[in-house]
Structure formats: structure tokens, C-alpha cells
């Protein structure tokens, strides 16, 4: 999926998340804000980890984003990582 997105000039976002009732974990991809090939609607799973596109030159991470995979934001929510 990620390679196909890159071949078309789009950087995909990879996410992992969970739902609690009933418990289920899942990983999925998004491109341009749209879920890719997913049978579930947006919001079905709560994202826990996001690996997004690399930052552009001069662009800074926004509040709640991290340059390190697995580092949660201060609100105990989703962790965000950017590939090198």
C-alpha cells in the first residue's frame, strides 16, 4: 500500500489503534486524509501511534507530535513519529 502511494507521488500515513468494546487492535493506512482499502469507517479505531510523512525543510512538528516513535503526547493520547 505504502509503495503504491509513493509511486503515485503521495506520502501515506500509517496508523495503529484499538477499540475497547469488543477489544480489537488494527493497523491501517491513509493518504490525503482518506482511509485506504478499509472496511471500517473513520473513527472506528482510536489511533495510538501514527507514522506520517517526513517534515518539509523548515517545517516544525506541531504540538502533540514527536520526532521519536512511541513517544506519547502530554495528554496521554496518540504518539506521532516522522520517518527520517
N, C-alpha and C. Protein backbone atom coordinates (compact mmCIF):
# COMPACT_ATOMS: atom_id res chain seq x y z
N UNK A 1 0.82 -1.18 0.00
CA UNK A 1 0.00 0.00 0.00
C UNK A 1 0.87 1.25 0.00
N UNK A 2 1.85 1.28 0.91
CA UNK A 2 2.71 2.46 1.02
C UNK A 2 3.51 2.68 -0.26
N UNK A 3 4.00 1.60 -0.84
CA UNK A 3 4.77 1.74 -2.09
C UNK A 3 3.90 2.24 -3.23
N UNK A 4 2.67 1.79 -3.30
CA UNK A 4 1.76 2.28 -4.35
C UNK A 4 1.48 3.77 -4.18
N UNK A 5 1.30 4.20 -2.95
CA UNK A 5 1.07 5.63 -2.70
C UNK A 5 2.29 6.43 -3.14
N UNK A 6 3.47 5.98 -2.77
CA UNK A 6 4.70 6.69 -3.13
C UNK A 6 4.88 6.71 -4.65
N UNK A 7 4.54 5.63 -5.33
CA UNK A 7 4.66 5.58 -6.79
C UNK A 7 3.74 6.61 -7.45
N UNK A 8 2.66 6.96 -6.78
CA UNK A 8 1.73 7.97 -7.30
C UNK A 8 2.01 9.36 -6.76
N UNK A 9 3.13 9.50 -6.02
CA UNK A 9 3.53 10.82 -5.55
C UNK A 9 2.89 11.27 -4.25
N UNK A 10 2.29 10.35 -3.50
CA UNK A 10 1.63 10.67 -2.24
C UNK A 10 2.35 10.00 -1.08
N UNK A 11 2.53 10.73 0.02
CA UNK A 11 3.09 10.12 1.23
C UNK A 11 1.95 9.59 2.06
N UNK A 12 1.89 8.27 2.30
CA UNK A 12 0.83 7.73 3.16
C UNK A 12 1.14 7.95 4.63
N UNK A 13 0.13 7.85 5.45
CA UNK A 13 0.27 7.88 6.90
C UNK A 13 -0.12 6.50 7.40
N UNK A 14 0.73 5.91 8.24
CA UNK A 14 0.47 4.59 8.81
C UNK A 14 0.03 4.77 10.25
N UNK A 15 -1.06 4.12 10.63
CA UNK A 15 -1.58 4.25 11.99
C UNK A 15 -1.85 2.87 12.58
N UNK A 16 -1.70 2.77 13.90
CA UNK A 16 -2.16 1.61 14.65
C UNK A 16 -3.09 2.13 15.73
N UNK A 17 -4.10 1.34 16.04
CA UNK A 17 -5.06 1.79 17.04
C UNK A 17 -5.86 0.64 17.61
N UNK A 18 -6.75 0.98 18.52
CA UNK A 18 -7.56 -0.03 19.21
C UNK A 18 -9.01 0.45 19.34
N UNK A 19 -9.86 -0.49 19.65
CA UNK A 19 -11.21 -0.20 20.14
C UNK A 19 -11.42 -1.10 21.34
N UNK A 20 -12.28 -0.71 22.25
CA UNK A 20 -12.38 -1.45 23.51
C UNK A 20 -13.59 -2.37 23.62
N UNK A 21 -14.68 -2.09 22.93
CA UNK A 21 -15.88 -2.92 23.07
C UNK A 21 -16.37 -3.42 21.74
N UNK A 22 -16.09 -4.65 21.34
CA UNK A 22 -15.15 -5.58 21.95
C UNK A 22 -13.72 -5.16 21.60
N UNK A 23 -12.75 -5.62 22.41
CA UNK A 23 -11.37 -5.21 22.18
C UNK A 23 -10.90 -5.73 20.82
N UNK A 24 -10.21 -4.84 20.11
CA UNK A 24 -9.63 -5.19 18.82
C UNK A 24 -8.52 -4.19 18.52
N UNK A 25 -7.44 -4.66 17.93
CA UNK A 25 -6.34 -3.79 17.51
C UNK A 25 -6.20 -3.90 16.00
N UNK A 26 -5.73 -2.84 15.37
CA UNK A 26 -5.68 -2.81 13.91
C UNK A 26 -4.63 -1.80 13.45
N UNK A 27 -4.07 -2.03 12.29
CA UNK A 27 -3.18 -1.07 11.64
C UNK A 27 -3.79 -0.72 10.28
N UNK A 28 -3.67 0.53 9.87
CA UNK A 28 -4.25 0.95 8.60
C UNK A 28 -3.43 2.08 8.00
N UNK A 29 -3.72 2.35 6.74
CA UNK A 29 -3.04 3.43 6.05
C UNK A 29 -4.03 4.49 5.60
N UNK A 30 -3.52 5.71 5.49
CA UNK A 30 -4.31 6.83 4.99
C UNK A 30 -3.46 7.60 4.00
N UNK A 31 -4.10 8.13 3.00
CA UNK A 31 -3.43 9.01 2.04
C UNK A 31 -4.35 10.18 1.75
N UNK A 32 -3.80 11.37 1.85
CA UNK A 32 -4.57 12.59 1.63
C UNK A 32 -5.83 12.63 2.50
N UNK A 33 -5.71 12.11 3.75
CA UNK A 33 -6.81 12.14 4.69
C UNK A 33 -7.88 11.09 4.48
N UNK A 34 -7.69 10.18 3.52
CA UNK A 34 -8.67 9.14 3.23
C UNK A 34 -8.12 7.78 3.63
N UNK A 35 -8.96 6.93 4.24
CA UNK A 35 -8.56 5.57 4.57
C UNK A 35 -8.34 4.79 3.28
N UNK A 36 -7.35 3.91 3.28
CA UNK A 36 -7.02 3.14 2.08
C UNK A 36 -7.49 1.70 2.26
N UNK A 37 -8.46 1.29 1.47
CA UNK A 37 -8.93 -0.09 1.44
C UNK A 37 -9.43 -0.63 2.77
N UNK A 38 -10.08 0.18 3.56
CA UNK A 38 -10.54 -0.24 4.89
C UNK A 38 -12.03 -0.53 4.89
N UNK A 39 -12.42 -1.63 5.54
CA UNK A 39 -13.85 -1.94 5.63
C UNK A 39 -14.57 -1.14 6.72
N UNK A 40 -13.79 -0.47 7.60
CA UNK A 40 -14.37 0.28 8.71
C UNK A 40 -14.35 1.77 8.43
N UNK A 41 -15.31 2.52 8.95
CA UNK A 41 -15.33 3.97 8.75
C UNK A 41 -14.26 4.65 9.61
N UNK A 42 -13.93 5.87 9.25
CA UNK A 42 -13.00 6.67 10.05
C UNK A 42 -13.56 6.78 11.47
N UNK A 43 -12.69 6.66 12.47
CA UNK A 43 -13.11 6.75 13.85
C UNK A 43 -13.50 5.42 14.48
N UNK A 44 -13.52 4.34 13.70
CA UNK A 44 -13.86 3.02 14.23
C UNK A 44 -12.82 2.57 15.26
N UNK A 45 -11.55 2.88 14.99
CA UNK A 45 -10.45 2.59 15.92
C UNK A 45 -9.86 3.89 16.43
N UNK A 46 -9.42 3.91 17.68
CA UNK A 46 -8.76 5.09 18.25
C UNK A 46 -7.26 4.97 17.97
N UNK A 47 -6.69 5.90 17.20
CA UNK A 47 -5.25 5.81 16.89
C UNK A 47 -4.39 5.94 18.14
N UNK A 48 -3.38 5.07 18.23
CA UNK A 48 -2.41 5.14 19.32
C UNK A 48 -1.04 5.56 18.83
N UNK A 49 -0.70 5.17 17.60
CA UNK A 49 0.60 5.51 17.02
C UNK A 49 0.40 5.89 15.57
N UNK A 50 1.00 7.00 15.16
CA UNK A 50 0.91 7.47 13.78
C UNK A 50 2.31 7.71 13.26
N UNK A 51 2.58 7.19 12.07
CA UNK A 51 3.84 7.49 11.39
C UNK A 51 3.46 8.20 10.10
N UNK A 52 3.73 9.50 10.08
CA UNK A 52 3.31 10.33 8.97
C UNK A 52 4.43 10.63 8.00
N UNK A 53 4.12 11.44 7.01
CA UNK A 53 5.12 11.84 6.02
C UNK A 53 6.26 12.62 6.66
N UNK A 54 7.42 12.63 6.03
CA UNK A 54 8.53 13.42 6.57
C UNK A 54 8.19 14.91 6.54
N UNK A 55 8.77 15.64 7.46
CA UNK A 55 8.59 17.09 7.50
C UNK A 55 9.34 17.73 6.35
N UNK A 56 8.77 18.77 5.79
CA UNK A 56 9.44 19.53 4.74
C UNK A 56 10.54 20.37 5.35
N UNK A 57 11.48 20.81 4.53
CA UNK A 57 12.55 21.67 5.01
C UNK A 57 11.95 22.91 5.66
N UNK A 58 12.37 23.21 6.87
CA UNK A 58 11.88 24.39 7.58
C UNK A 58 10.57 24.17 8.31
N UNK A 59 9.94 23.01 8.16
CA UNK A 59 8.67 22.73 8.83
C UNK A 59 8.96 22.14 10.21
N UNK A 60 8.20 22.54 11.20
CA UNK A 60 8.39 22.04 12.56
C UNK A 60 7.20 21.19 12.97
N UNK A 61 7.45 20.23 13.86
CA UNK A 61 6.36 19.40 14.39
C UNK A 61 5.43 20.28 15.20
N UNK A 62 4.12 20.01 15.10
CA UNK A 62 3.14 20.78 15.86
C UNK A 62 3.00 20.19 17.26
N UNK A 63 2.31 20.89 18.12
CA UNK A 63 2.12 20.42 19.50
C UNK A 63 1.48 19.04 19.48
N UNK A 64 2.00 18.13 20.31
CA UNK A 64 1.47 16.77 20.38
C UNK A 64 2.16 15.83 19.43
N UNK A 65 3.00 16.34 18.53
CA UNK A 65 3.74 15.48 17.62
C UNK A 65 5.14 15.29 18.15
N UNK A 66 5.73 14.17 17.81
CA UNK A 66 7.06 13.83 18.29
C UNK A 66 7.92 13.36 17.14
N UNK A 67 9.23 13.56 17.26
CA UNK A 67 10.15 13.03 16.27
C UNK A 67 10.60 11.63 16.62
N UNK A 68 10.10 11.07 17.71
CA UNK A 68 10.50 9.75 18.16
C UNK A 68 9.29 8.84 18.19
N UNK A 69 9.39 7.67 17.53
CA UNK A 69 8.28 6.72 17.51
C UNK A 69 7.96 6.27 18.92
N UNK A 70 6.68 6.20 19.24
CA UNK A 70 6.23 5.68 20.51
C UNK A 70 6.20 6.68 21.64
N UNK A 71 6.57 7.91 21.43
CA UNK A 71 6.55 8.91 22.50
C UNK A 71 5.17 9.56 22.51
N UNK A 72 4.43 9.36 23.58
CA UNK A 72 3.07 9.88 23.66
C UNK A 72 3.07 11.36 23.97
N UNK A 73 2.02 12.04 23.56
CA UNK A 73 1.91 13.46 23.89
C UNK A 73 1.55 13.62 25.36
N UNK A 74 1.56 14.84 25.84
CA UNK A 74 1.37 15.08 27.26
C UNK A 74 -0.04 14.78 27.74
N UNK A 75 -1.00 14.70 26.85
CA UNK A 75 -2.37 14.40 27.24
C UNK A 75 -2.62 12.90 27.33
N UNK A 76 -1.56 12.09 27.09
CA UNK A 76 -1.71 10.64 27.16
C UNK A 76 -2.40 10.09 25.93
N UNK A 77 -2.38 10.84 24.84
CA UNK A 77 -3.06 10.40 23.62
C UNK A 77 -2.13 9.74 22.65
N UNK A 78 -2.35 10.03 21.41
CA UNK A 78 -1.66 9.40 20.31
C UNK A 78 -0.21 9.86 20.20
N UNK A 79 0.67 8.90 19.88
CA UNK A 79 2.07 9.24 19.61
C UNK A 79 2.24 9.39 18.11
N UNK A 80 3.07 10.34 17.70
CA UNK A 80 3.28 10.59 16.29
C UNK A 80 4.77 10.52 16.00
N UNK A 81 5.12 9.86 14.91
CA UNK A 81 6.52 9.76 14.51
C UNK A 81 6.65 10.13 13.05
N UNK A 82 7.77 10.68 12.68
CA UNK A 82 8.05 11.03 11.30
C UNK A 82 9.25 10.22 10.84
N UNK A 83 9.17 9.61 9.64
CA UNK A 83 10.33 8.88 9.15
C UNK A 83 11.49 9.82 8.86
N UNK A 84 12.74 9.34 8.94
CA UNK A 84 13.89 10.22 8.70
C UNK A 84 13.96 10.69 7.27
